[in-house]
Amino acid sequence: MNNNINQLKWGAILSYFSMGISLAIGLVYTPLMIRLLGKNEFGLYSTVSSTISMLGILNLGFGSGYIRYYAKYKRNNDMDAIYRLNGLFLMIFIVIGLVAAVCGTFLSFHLDWIFDEGLTGAEYQKARILMLMLTVNMAISFPMSVFTNIINANEKFVFLKIFGIITTVIGPMVNVPILLMGYKSVALVASSLVLGLIYHVVTVYYVLVVLKNKFVFRSLEKGIFVGLFSYTIFIFLNTIIDQINWNIDKLLLARFIGTAEVAVYSVGYSLYAHYMQFSTAISGIFTPRIHRIVNETQDDKETQRVQLTELFTRVGRVQFLILALIATGIIFFGQVFILDYWAGPGYENSYFVTLLLTIPASIALIQNIGIEIQRAMNIHQFRSVIYAVMAIVNLMLSIYLCQIYGAVGSAIGTAISLILANGFIMNIFYQKKCNIDMFYFWKEIMKLCRGLVIPIGVGIIMHKYIRVMSILSFLVSVLVYMIVYIVSMWIFGMNQYEKNLIGKPFKKLKYRG
């Protein structure tokens, strides 16, 4: 038990450390990539990446299903069943990988169906090469994802996070020299393919040698398919919805306007993606614990409500503390950052894209462990249906708005769907069906909002009266704002648990010194 707690603790710490490194690298690497690739090629690279990522729907939601069945067998200490489960899932994902290879190859030779006249002849030729290479990467990643799921189910978060940090650092270290030598997007994808293969080899070794897991392909429990299908069908639907919400905008912009506008949207989305990672990093660590709570309290709904509400609120408050700092920072400093120090002139609308994606999504991001709670309870169907309706709304709005307002129009469509689905409908569902006290949750979040008053006031004054003239003055302004935010939250927002999260490491360092 202590080992599991340490894995959770260090997994969370390493998650945020990884996010910090990823953000720092992104702040340096992304503008370099934009300038060396050029606006149109960067837009093409982003468009093709988004197109091929839509094949991720072939996962069918089975990845989450593995952890659910693993928790069930682990509770009974049935290792033979776990080994058969490993074999079954590996076979499933090998088949999925083959299907992905066929679909990706087909799309590569029919790109005109997707982009129509949105790409030039040269762009079509390069897009086809990129598509084929990314298809190979996708086809391999499907069966290899089983090994990552096994490591995650065994709660070996420290290994996953440390290895993730290493790969995050190595990628740009390889890609920057490639770009400086004059190579373009095809070379970037080739290097990613090679690094991905190395990553997969290491995870396979860890599962087979370190964890000593086995894959049994005989006496497979074919009856699992029925339960697995009923469990994952709505996760699959939700995956399709996510692909529509987060990738369709780029495809629409490429089709109706061109790759340059895709680049504008991609810059704004890139900042949002970093923002989102700071939420999803910690929530993923609690997946095994959520399934354990739900399984162990099936016959005691009151205990379940207390434990789930406590976990939901505690994680949500920590996520809010981090995300509110980043979100308000983007509001006050994002425009200067994007235009003067990151993407450069020509990306003015990227700031508004970032705001339209970031602020509406914040409600869902501080509640994202609720997704796994629904899956653990096998009541995730409602969310999928609601999100399906919202995805259609998003698609219809974006088709119309992107042709008028470009990248900003696409982001408006996404923002409206996020507010309706996450801001209203899902909160009612959490209260009524997920056994979570949402009134208590929002009461606790509002306590944190008291600490936002002073930072927002200071941010408005800085934005209005302080003119940033250099990178040094920009960094000083951001640092001052961060200090004001932390002090204000410490005094007016944080509870003792959150103060201890920050204070204990410093006390230990002081004691050791």
Protein backbone atom coordinates (compact mmCIF):
# COMPACT_ATOMS: atom_id res chain seq x y z
CA MET A 1 0.00 0.00 0.00
CA ASN A 2 2.80 2.42 0.92
CA ASN A 3 4.49 1.68 -2.39
CA ASN A 4 1.25 2.52 -4.25
CA ILE A 5 0.92 5.77 -2.31
CA ASN A 6 4.52 6.69 -3.16
CA GLN A 7 3.86 5.87 -6.81
CA LEU A 8 0.84 8.20 -6.76
CA LYS A 9 2.75 10.94 -4.96
CA TRP A 10 5.83 10.84 -7.14
CA GLY A 11 3.74 10.20 -10.22
CA ALA A 12 1.86 13.45 -9.58
CA ILE A 13 5.08 15.38 -8.89
CA LEU A 14 6.76 14.00 -11.99
CA SER A 15 3.64 14.69 -14.05
CA TYR A 16 3.82 18.39 -13.33
CA PHE A 17 7.59 18.39 -13.69
CA SER A 18 7.10 16.79 -17.10
CA MET A 19 4.48 19.38 -18.00
CA GLY A 20 6.87 22.15 -16.97
CA ILE A 21 9.63 20.74 -19.16
CA SER A 22 7.19 20.22 -22.03
CA LEU A 23 5.98 23.80 -21.72
CA ALA A 24 9.50 25.22 -21.52
CA ILE A 25 10.59 23.23 -24.57
CA GLY A 26 7.42 24.21 -26.43
CA LEU A 27 8.03 27.89 -25.76
CA VAL A 28 11.44 27.62 -27.41
CA TYR A 29 10.96 24.83 -29.95
CA THR A 30 7.56 25.78 -31.42
CA PRO A 31 8.48 29.31 -32.59
CA LEU A 32 11.72 27.94 -34.02
CA MET A 33 9.79 25.26 -35.89
CA ILE A 34 7.26 27.82 -37.19
CA ARG A 35 9.99 30.07 -38.55
CA LEU A 36 12.12 27.30 -40.06
CA LEU A 37 9.18 25.47 -41.63
CA GLY A 38 7.35 28.61 -42.74
CA LYS A 39 3.70 29.46 -42.14
CA ASN A 40 2.26 27.33 -44.94
CA GLU A 41 4.34 24.21 -44.26
CA PHE A 42 3.68 24.48 -40.53
CA GLY A 43 -0.02 24.66 -41.36
CA LEU A 44 0.31 21.64 -43.67
CA TYR A 45 2.19 19.67 -41.00
CA SER A 46 -0.49 20.50 -38.41
CA THR A 47 -3.33 19.64 -40.81
CA VAL A 48 -1.94 16.23 -41.79
CA SER A 49 -1.14 15.40 -38.16
CA SER A 50 -4.72 16.22 -37.19
CA THR A 51 -6.09 14.16 -40.08
CA ILE A 52 -4.13 11.02 -39.22
CA SER A 53 -4.83 11.41 -35.50
CA MET A 54 -8.50 10.91 -36.30
CA LEU A 55 -7.65 7.25 -36.91
CA GLY A 56 -7.27 7.14 -33.13
CA ILE A 57 -11.00 6.43 -33.04
CA LEU A 58 -10.12 2.85 -34.05
CA ASN A 59 -9.02 2.37 -30.45
CA LEU A 60 -12.77 1.84 -29.86
CA GLY A 61 -12.30 2.75 -26.20
CA PHE A 62 -10.68 -0.62 -25.45
CA GLY A 63 -7.73 0.99 -23.65
CA SER A 64 -9.92 2.07 -20.75
CA GLY A 65 -11.59 -1.34 -20.78
CA TYR A 66 -8.28 -3.04 -19.99
CA ILE A 67 -7.85 -1.18 -16.70
CA ARG A 68 -11.44 -1.98 -15.72
CA TYR A 69 -11.00 -5.73 -16.19
CA TYR A 70 -7.50 -5.69 -14.72
CA ALA A 71 -8.85 -4.12 -11.50
CA LYS A 72 -11.53 -6.81 -11.34
CA TYR A 73 -9.06 -9.71 -11.72
CA LYS A 74 -6.42 -8.11 -9.51
CA ARG A 75 -8.92 -7.80 -6.67
CA ASN A 76 -9.31 -11.60 -6.80
CA ASN A 77 -5.55 -12.07 -7.34
CA ASP A 78 -6.32 -14.09 -10.49
CA MET A 79 -3.03 -13.80 -12.38
CA ASP A 80 -3.98 -16.42 -14.97
CA ALA A 81 -7.00 -14.33 -15.94
CA ILE A 82 -4.77 -11.24 -16.17
CA TYR A 83 -2.33 -13.02 -18.49
CA ARG A 84 -5.20 -14.15 -20.71
CA LEU A 85 -6.52 -10.60 -20.64
CA ASN A 86 -3.09 -9.39 -21.82
CA GLY A 87 -3.16 -11.84 -24.71
CA LEU A 88 -6.70 -10.94 -25.68
CA PHE A 89 -6.02 -7.20 -25.75
CA LEU A 90 -2.78 -7.61 -27.68
CA MET A 91 -4.62 -9.59 -30.35
CA ILE A 92 -7.38 -6.97 -30.49
CA PHE A 93 -4.94 -4.11 -30.92
CA ILE A 94 -2.86 -5.92 -33.54
CA VAL A 95 -6.03 -6.20 -35.61
CA ILE A 96 -6.82 -2.54 -34.97
CA GLY A 97 -3.30 -1.60 -36.06
CA LEU A 98 -3.75 -3.46 -39.34
CA VAL A 99 -7.08 -1.73 -39.94
CA ALA A 100 -5.41 1.63 -39.24
CA ALA A 101 -2.70 0.82 -41.79
CA VAL A 102 -5.29 0.07 -44.47
CA CYS A 103 -7.40 3.16 -43.68
CA GLY A 104 -4.40 5.49 -43.51
CA THR A 105 -3.01 4.22 -46.81
CA PHE A 106 -6.39 4.65 -48.48
CA LEU A 107 -6.72 8.22 -47.19
CA SER A 108 -3.18 9.02 -48.34
CA PHE A 109 -4.18 8.42 -51.95
CA HIS A 110 -7.55 10.17 -51.67
CA LEU A 111 -6.62 13.40 -49.90
CA ASP A 112 -8.66 15.41 -52.39
CA TRP A 113 -11.79 13.98 -50.74
CA ILE A 114 -10.80 15.80 -47.57
CA PHE A 115 -9.17 19.03 -48.71
CA ASP A 116 -10.75 19.59 -52.14
CA GLU A 117 -9.00 22.67 -53.57
CA GLY A 118 -7.64 23.87 -50.22
CA LEU A 119 -4.11 22.57 -50.95
CA THR A 120 -1.76 23.30 -53.83
CA GLY A 121 -0.34 20.53 -56.02
CA ALA A 122 3.00 20.58 -54.18
CA GLU A 123 1.23 20.51 -50.82
CA TYR A 124 -0.82 17.49 -51.90
CA GLN A 125 2.35 15.61 -52.85
CA LYS A 126 4.08 16.34 -49.55
CA ALA A 127 0.89 15.67 -47.57
CA ARG A 128 0.69 12.19 -49.10
CA ILE A 129 4.24 11.36 -47.95
CA LEU A 130 3.55 12.69 -44.45
CA MET A 131 0.29 10.76 -44.30
CA LEU A 132 1.92 7.44 -45.20
CA MET A 133 4.69 7.87 -42.63
CA LEU A 134 2.25 8.85 -39.89
CA THR A 135 0.08 5.87 -40.83
CA VAL A 136 3.00 3.52 -40.13
CA ASN A 137 3.54 5.20 -36.77
CA MET A 138 -0.15 4.93 -35.90
CA ALA A 139 -0.39 1.26 -36.94
CA ILE A 140 2.55 0.35 -34.68
CA SER A 141 1.36 2.44 -31.74
CA PHE A 142 -1.95 0.57 -31.41
CA PRO A 143 -0.57 -2.84 -30.30
CA MET A 144 2.21 -1.13 -28.34
CA SER A 145 -0.38 0.82 -26.32
CA VAL A 146 -1.29 -2.45 -24.58
CA PHE A 147 2.11 -2.44 -22.86
CA THR A 148 1.61 1.13 -21.65
CA ASN A 149 -1.82 0.15 -20.29
CA ILE A 150 -0.26 -2.74 -18.38
CA ILE A 151 2.33 -0.44 -16.80
CA ASN A 152 -0.40 2.05 -15.90
CA ALA A 153 -2.66 -0.64 -14.44
CA ASN A 154 0.23 -1.80 -12.25
CA GLU A 155 0.51 1.81 -11.03
CA LYS A 156 4.15 2.13 -12.08
CA PHE A 157 3.71 5.84 -12.64
CA VAL A 158 7.27 6.81 -11.78
CA PHE A 159 8.70 4.78 -14.66
CA LEU A 160 6.11 6.11 -17.11
CA LYS A 161 6.67 9.72 -16.13
CA ILE A 162 10.48 9.60 -16.05
CA PHE A 163 10.58 7.85 -19.40
CA GLY A 164 8.07 10.37 -20.75
CA ILE A 165 10.29 13.24 -19.60
CA ILE A 166 13.29 11.70 -21.36
CA THR A 167 11.41 11.31 -24.65
CA THR A 168 10.03 14.85 -24.35
CA VAL A 169 13.55 16.24 -24.10
CA ILE A 170 15.14 14.03 -26.76
CA GLY A 171 12.55 14.85 -29.46
CA PRO A 172 13.41 18.56 -29.89
CA MET A 173 17.13 17.82 -29.39
CA VAL A 174 16.97 15.64 -32.50
CA ASN A 175 14.55 17.81 -34.48
CA VAL A 176 16.24 21.20 -34.07
CA PRO A 177 19.47 20.14 -35.84
CA ILE A 178 17.33 18.57 -38.57
CA LEU A 179 15.51 21.87 -39.11
CA LEU A 180 18.71 23.91 -38.98
CA MET A 181 20.19 21.71 -41.72
CA GLY A 182 17.30 22.76 -43.95
CA TYR A 183 15.12 19.67 -43.74
CA LYS A 184 11.37 20.15 -43.41
CA SER A 185 8.26 18.35 -42.17
CA VAL A 186 9.03 14.97 -43.78
CA ALA A 187 12.28 14.74 -41.81
CA LEU A 188 10.47 15.70 -38.58
CA VAL A 189 7.96 12.89 -39.03
CA ALA A 190 10.76 10.42 -39.84
CA SER A 191 12.61 11.28 -36.63
CA SER A 192 9.39 10.96 -34.62
CA LEU A 193 8.85 7.51 -36.13
CA VAL A 194 12.32 6.33 -35.09
CA LEU A 195 12.02 7.77 -31.56
CA GLY A 196 8.60 6.16 -31.24
CA LEU A 197 10.03 2.76 -32.08
CA ILE A 198 12.69 3.16 -29.39
CA TYR A 199 10.00 4.12 -26.87
CA HIS A 200 7.96 1.02 -27.73
CA VAL A 201 10.96 -1.30 -27.37
CA VAL A 202 11.67 0.02 -23.86
CA THR A 203 8.04 -0.36 -22.71
CA VAL A 204 7.91 -3.93 -24.04
CA TYR A 205 11.12 -4.74 -22.14
CA TYR A 206 9.74 -3.21 -18.93
CA VAL A 207 6.51 -5.22 -19.10
CA LEU A 208 8.11 -8.56 -19.98
CA VAL A 209 11.32 -8.39 -17.93
CA VAL A 210 10.76 -5.98 -15.04
CA LEU A 211 7.06 -6.58 -14.35
CA LYS A 212 7.35 -10.20 -15.52
CA ASN A 213 3.96 -10.03 -17.21
CA LYS A 214 2.91 -12.78 -19.58
CA PHE A 215 0.67 -12.98 -22.62
CA VAL A 216 -1.46 -16.11 -22.83
CA PHE A 217 -3.24 -16.70 -26.13
CA ARG A 218 -5.02 -19.94 -25.27
CA SER A 219 -8.31 -20.35 -23.43
CA LEU A 220 -9.15 -16.72 -24.09
CA GLU A 221 -12.30 -15.51 -22.37
CA LYS A 222 -14.27 -14.69 -25.49
CA GLY A 223 -17.25 -13.86 -23.32
CA ILE A 224 -15.40 -10.70 -22.35
CA PHE A 225 -16.12 -9.35 -25.83
CA VAL A 226 -19.81 -8.85 -25.04
CA GLY A 227 -19.16 -6.98 -21.82
CA LEU A 228 -16.21 -5.15 -23.32
CA PHE A 229 -18.22 -4.00 -26.33
CA SER A 230 -21.12 -2.75 -24.22
CA TYR A 231 -18.66 -0.95 -21.94
CA THR A 232 -16.49 0.62 -24.65
CA ILE A 233 -19.03 1.45 -27.36
CA PHE A 234 -19.82 4.78 -25.75
CA ILE A 235 -16.15 5.47 -25.01
CA PHE A 236 -15.63 4.90 -28.74
CA LEU A 237 -18.43 7.35 -29.49
CA ASN A 238 -16.83 9.85 -27.14
CA THR A 239 -13.48 9.42 -28.93
CA ILE A 240 -15.15 10.28 -32.23
CA ILE A 241 -16.67 13.34 -30.61
CA ASP A 242 -13.31 14.49 -29.24
CA GLN A 243 -11.79 14.12 -32.69
CA ILE A 244 -14.56 16.28 -34.17
CA ASN A 245 -14.25 18.92 -31.48
CA TRP A 246 -10.47 19.23 -31.57
CA ASN A 247 -9.38 18.27 -35.09
CA ILE A 248 -12.24 19.13 -37.43
CA ASP A 249 -11.54 22.86 -37.15
CA LYS A 250 -8.14 22.44 -38.83
CA LEU A 251 -9.60 20.32 -41.61
CA LEU A 252 -12.38 22.84 -42.26
CA LEU A 253 -9.92 25.72 -42.35
CA ALA A 254 -7.64 23.82 -44.74
CA ARG A 255 -10.57 23.01 -47.02
CA PHE A 256 -12.29 26.40 -47.07
CA ILE A 257 -9.45 28.90 -46.52
CA GLY A 258 -5.95 27.36 -46.71
CA THR A 259 -2.99 26.13 -44.69
CA ALA A 260 -1.96 29.64 -43.57
CA GLU A 261 -5.16 29.97 -41.53
CA VAL A 262 -4.58 26.48 -40.13
CA ALA A 263 -1.23 27.75 -38.84
CA VAL A 264 -3.00 30.62 -37.01
CA TYR A 265 -5.44 28.19 -35.40
CA SER A 266 -2.65 25.70 -34.58
CA VAL A 267 -0.66 28.30 -32.64
CA GLY A 268 -3.68 29.10 -30.48
CA TYR A 269 -4.51 25.42 -30.08
CA SER A 270 -0.91 24.65 -29.14
CA LEU A 271 -1.13 26.95 -26.12
CA TYR A 272 -4.45 25.38 -25.18
CA ALA A 273 -2.90 21.89 -25.48
CA HIS A 274 -0.17 22.84 -22.99
CA TYR A 275 -2.85 24.25 -20.71
CA MET A 276 -4.89 21.05 -20.94
CA GLN A 277 -1.88 18.86 -20.12
CA PHE A 278 -1.51 20.46 -16.71
CA SER A 279 -4.95 19.08 -15.88
CA THR A 280 -4.83 15.66 -17.49
CA ALA A 281 -1.37 14.87 -16.11
CA ILE A 282 -2.54 14.47 -12.53
CA SER A 283 -6.01 13.07 -13.24
CA GLY A 284 -4.64 10.05 -15.12
CA ILE A 285 -2.73 8.97 -12.03
CA PHE A 286 -5.98 8.44 -10.12
CA THR A 287 -7.55 6.05 -12.64
CA PRO A 288 -6.70 2.82 -10.73
CA ARG A 289 -7.79 4.38 -7.42
CA ILE A 290 -11.15 5.45 -8.86
CA HIS A 291 -11.88 1.94 -10.11
CA ARG A 292 -10.86 0.54 -6.73
CA ILE A 293 -13.18 2.91 -4.82
CA VAL A 294 -16.13 2.10 -7.08
CA ASN A 295 -15.52 -1.65 -6.87
CA GLU A 296 -15.07 -1.70 -3.10
CA THR A 297 -18.07 0.50 -2.25
CA GLN A 298 -20.70 -0.95 -4.57
CA ASP A 299 -22.83 -2.02 -1.61
CA ASP A 300 -22.31 1.15 0.43
CA LYS A 301 -23.45 4.15 -1.58
CA GLU A 302 -23.02 6.61 1.27
CA THR A 303 -19.37 5.68 1.75
CA GLN A 304 -18.93 5.79 -2.00
CA ARG A 305 -20.43 9.29 -2.18
CA VAL A 306 -18.14 10.56 0.57
CA GLN A 307 -14.99 9.05 -0.96
CA LEU A 308 -15.75 10.08 -4.54
CA THR A 309 -16.78 13.61 -3.55
CA GLU A 310 -13.65 14.01 -1.43
CA LEU A 311 -11.38 12.82 -4.25
CA PHE A 312 -13.26 14.77 -6.94
CA THR A 313 -13.07 17.98 -4.90
CA ARG A 314 -9.50 17.60 -3.70
CA VAL A 315 -8.15 16.96 -7.19
CA GLY A 316 -10.41 19.64 -8.68
CA ARG A 317 -9.17 22.32 -6.28
CA VAL A 318 -5.53 21.51 -6.99
CA GLN A 319 -6.24 21.62 -10.72
CA PHE A 320 -8.07 24.94 -10.32
CA LEU A 321 -5.12 26.46 -8.45
CA ILE A 322 -2.81 25.63 -11.32
CA LEU A 323 -5.16 26.29 -14.23
CA ALA A 324 -6.47 29.60 -12.89
CA LEU A 325 -2.90 30.92 -12.73
CA ILE A 326 -2.23 29.86 -16.32
CA ALA A 327 -5.61 31.02 -17.67
CA THR A 328 -5.43 34.49 -16.13
CA GLY A 329 -1.80 34.72 -17.21
CA ILE A 330 -2.84 34.02 -20.80
CA ILE A 331 -5.53 36.71 -20.58
CA PHE A 332 -3.13 39.41 -19.38
CA PHE A 333 0.13 38.42 -21.09
CA GLY A 334 -0.87 36.05 -23.91
CA GLN A 335 -1.22 38.60 -26.70
CA VAL A 336 2.20 40.14 -26.13
CA PHE A 337 3.74 36.69 -25.76
CA ILE A 338 2.32 35.32 -29.02
CA LEU A 339 3.11 38.35 -31.19
CA ASP A 340 6.41 39.56 -29.72
CA TYR A 341 8.15 36.46 -28.39
CA TRP A 342 6.58 33.33 -29.86
CA ALA A 343 4.83 33.08 -33.23
CA GLY A 344 5.44 36.63 -34.44
CA PRO A 345 3.46 39.01 -36.70
CA GLY A 346 0.62 37.49 -38.69
CA TYR A 347 -0.68 35.47 -35.74
CA GLU A 348 -2.79 38.18 -34.08
CA ASN A 349 -5.92 36.02 -34.08
CA SER A 350 -4.10 33.14 -32.39
CA TYR A 351 -4.55 34.97 -29.07
CA PHE A 352 -8.34 34.98 -29.44
CA VAL A 353 -8.31 31.33 -30.52
CA THR A 354 -6.42 30.50 -27.31
CA LEU A 355 -8.93 32.37 -25.13
CA LEU A 356 -11.94 30.80 -26.86
CA LEU A 357 -10.57 27.30 -26.32
CA THR A 358 -9.00 27.76 -22.88
CA ILE A 359 -11.65 29.53 -20.81
CA PRO A 360 -14.72 27.40 -21.75
CA ALA A 361 -12.71 24.18 -21.40
CA SER A 362 -11.60 25.05 -17.86
CA ILE A 363 -14.82 23.73 -16.31
CA ALA A 364 -14.26 20.29 -17.81
CA LEU A 365 -10.55 20.30 -17.01
CA ILE A 366 -10.98 20.78 -13.26
CA GLN A 367 -13.54 17.96 -13.32
CA ASN A 368 -11.83 15.52 -15.66
CA ILE A 369 -11.46 12.69 -13.15
CA GLY A 370 -15.25 12.55 -13.44
CA ILE A 371 -14.78 10.91 -16.84
CA GLU A 372 -13.05 7.92 -15.26
CA ILE A 373 -15.63 7.81 -12.45
CA GLN A 374 -18.34 7.40 -15.09
CA ARG A 375 -16.37 4.64 -16.78
CA ALA A 376 -15.76 2.84 -13.49
CA MET A 377 -19.51 2.94 -12.82
CA ASN A 378 -20.25 1.98 -16.43
CA ILE A 379 -22.55 5.00 -16.82
CA HIS A 380 -20.49 6.94 -19.37
CA GLN A 381 -23.12 6.47 -22.08
CA PHE A 382 -24.98 9.69 -21.26
CA ARG A 383 -21.86 11.85 -21.60
CA SER A 384 -21.15 10.33 -24.99
CA VAL A 385 -24.66 11.07 -26.25
CA ILE A 386 -24.58 14.67 -24.99
CA TYR A 387 -21.15 15.24 -26.48
CA ALA A 388 -22.33 13.74 -29.78
CA VAL A 389 -25.09 16.33 -29.98
CA MET A 390 -22.66 19.10 -29.04
CA ALA A 391 -20.15 17.87 -31.64
CA ILE A 392 -22.79 18.19 -34.35
CA VAL A 393 -23.59 21.71 -33.11
CA ASN A 394 -19.87 22.51 -33.14
CA LEU A 395 -19.46 21.15 -36.68
CA MET A 396 -22.41 23.10 -38.07
CA LEU A 397 -21.37 26.34 -36.38
CA SER A 398 -17.73 25.95 -37.41
CA ILE A 399 -18.53 25.30 -41.08
CA TYR A 400 -20.46 28.58 -41.18
CA LEU A 401 -18.28 30.71 -38.90
CA CYS A 402 -14.86 29.65 -40.23
CA GLN A 403 -15.75 30.96 -43.69
CA ILE A 404 -16.55 34.37 -42.19
CA TYR A 405 -14.10 34.77 -39.30
CA GLY A 406 -11.44 32.20 -40.16
CA ALA A 407 -9.64 30.57 -37.23
CA VAL A 408 -11.55 32.65 -34.67
CA GLY A 409 -14.86 31.49 -36.14
CA SER A 410 -13.89 27.84 -35.77
CA ALA A 411 -12.90 28.46 -32.16
CA ILE A 412 -16.24 30.17 -31.43
CA GLY A 413 -18.13 27.06 -32.53
CA THR A 414 -16.02 24.89 -30.25
CA ALA A 415 -16.41 27.31 -27.32
CA ILE A 416 -20.22 27.31 -27.53
CA SER A 417 -20.40 23.52 -27.51
CA LEU A 418 -18.01 23.29 -24.54
CA ILE A 419 -20.03 25.74 -22.45
CA LEU A 420 -23.32 23.95 -23.07
CA ALA A 421 -22.00 20.43 -22.51
CA ASN A 422 -19.51 20.94 -19.68
CA GLY A 423 -20.81 24.05 -18.00
CA PHE A 424 -24.38 22.93 -17.52
CA ILE A 425 -25.40 19.43 -18.56
CA MET A 426 -22.50 17.37 -17.17
CA ASN A 427 -22.58 19.07 -13.77
CA ILE A 428 -26.22 18.05 -13.36
CA PHE A 429 -25.30 14.51 -14.38
CA TYR A 430 -22.47 14.29 -11.85
CA GLN A 431 -24.89 15.32 -9.11
CA LYS A 432 -27.77 13.05 -10.13
CA LYS A 433 -26.06 9.89 -11.39
CA CYS A 434 -22.39 9.79 -10.35
CA ASN A 435 -22.97 10.00 -6.60
CA ILE A 436 -20.90 13.19 -6.32
CA ASP A 437 -22.01 16.19 -4.26
CA MET A 438 -21.55 18.95 -6.84
CA PHE A 439 -22.92 21.65 -4.53
CA TYR A 440 -20.08 20.89 -2.15
CA PHE A 441 -17.60 20.84 -5.05
CA TRP A 442 -18.55 24.28 -6.36
CA LYS A 443 -18.72 25.68 -2.84
CA GLU A 444 -15.09 24.62 -2.39
CA ILE A 445 -14.10 26.05 -5.78
CA MET A 446 -15.76 29.38 -4.92
CA LYS A 447 -13.62 29.55 -1.78
CA LEU A 448 -10.59 29.51 -4.06
CA CYS A 449 -12.09 32.29 -6.19
CA ARG A 450 -11.65 34.69 -3.27
CA GLY A 451 -7.94 34.47 -3.91
CA LEU A 452 -8.40 35.58 -7.53
CA VAL A 453 -9.67 39.08 -6.74
CA ILE A 454 -6.30 40.71 -6.02
CA PRO A 455 -4.37 39.00 -8.88
CA ILE A 456 -7.05 39.98 -11.41
CA GLY A 457 -6.93 43.60 -10.19
CA VAL A 458 -3.15 43.65 -10.43
CA GLY A 459 -3.30 41.99 -13.87
CA ILE A 460 -5.70 44.64 -15.19
CA ILE A 461 -3.45 47.44 -13.94
CA MET A 462 -0.33 45.82 -15.45
CA HIS A 463 -2.07 45.18 -18.76
CA LYS A 464 -3.37 48.75 -18.99
CA TYR A 465 -0.52 50.85 -17.64
CA ILE A 466 2.72 48.87 -17.95
CA ARG A 467 4.25 48.76 -21.40
CA VAL A 468 6.48 45.75 -22.02
CA MET A 469 9.54 46.84 -24.00
CA SER A 470 11.83 43.80 -23.75
CA ILE A 471 11.86 40.10 -22.93
CA LEU A 472 13.32 40.96 -19.52
CA SER A 473 10.50 43.34 -18.63
CA PHE A 474 8.00 40.77 -19.90
CA LEU A 475 9.47 38.03 -17.67
CA VAL A 476 9.59 40.39 -14.68
CA SER A 477 5.92 41.29 -15.21
CA VAL A 478 4.94 37.62 -15.38
CA LEU A 479 7.01 36.82 -12.27
CA VAL A 480 5.42 39.67 -10.30
CA TYR A 481 1.97 38.47 -11.31
CA MET A 482 2.80 34.89 -10.26
CA ILE A 483 4.03 36.06 -6.85
CA VAL A 484 0.88 38.13 -6.31
CA TYR A 485 -1.26 35.15 -7.34
CA ILE A 486 0.50 32.66 -5.05
CA VAL A 487 0.46 34.99 -2.03
CA SER A 488 -3.19 35.90 -2.54
CA MET A 489 -4.21 32.26 -2.96
CA TRP A 490 -2.18 31.25 0.10
CA ILE A 491 -3.91 33.84 2.28
CA PHE A 492 -7.44 33.85 0.88
CA GLY A 493 -7.91 30.60 -1.04
CA MET A 494 -5.89 27.53 -0.04
CA ASN A 495 -6.86 25.09 2.68
CA GLN A 496 -4.36 23.38 4.96
CA TYR A 497 -4.00 20.33 2.71
CA GLU A 498 -3.01 22.50 -0.26
CA LYS A 499 -0.63 24.58 1.83
CA ASN A 500 1.02 21.37 3.02
CA LEU A 501 1.49 20.22 -0.58
CA ILE A 502 3.58 23.33 -1.16
CA GLY A 503 5.08 23.74 2.30
CA LYS A 504 6.26 20.21 3.13
CA PRO A 505 8.90 19.93 0.39
CA PHE A 506 10.42 23.25 1.50
CA LYS A 507 10.39 22.18 5.14
CA LYS A 508 12.22 18.97 4.24
CA LEU A 509 14.82 20.92 2.29
CA LYS A 510 15.28 23.29 5.22
CA TYR A 511 15.61 20.36 7.65
CA ARG A 512 18.18 18.61 5.46
CA GLY A 513 20.13 21.81 5.11
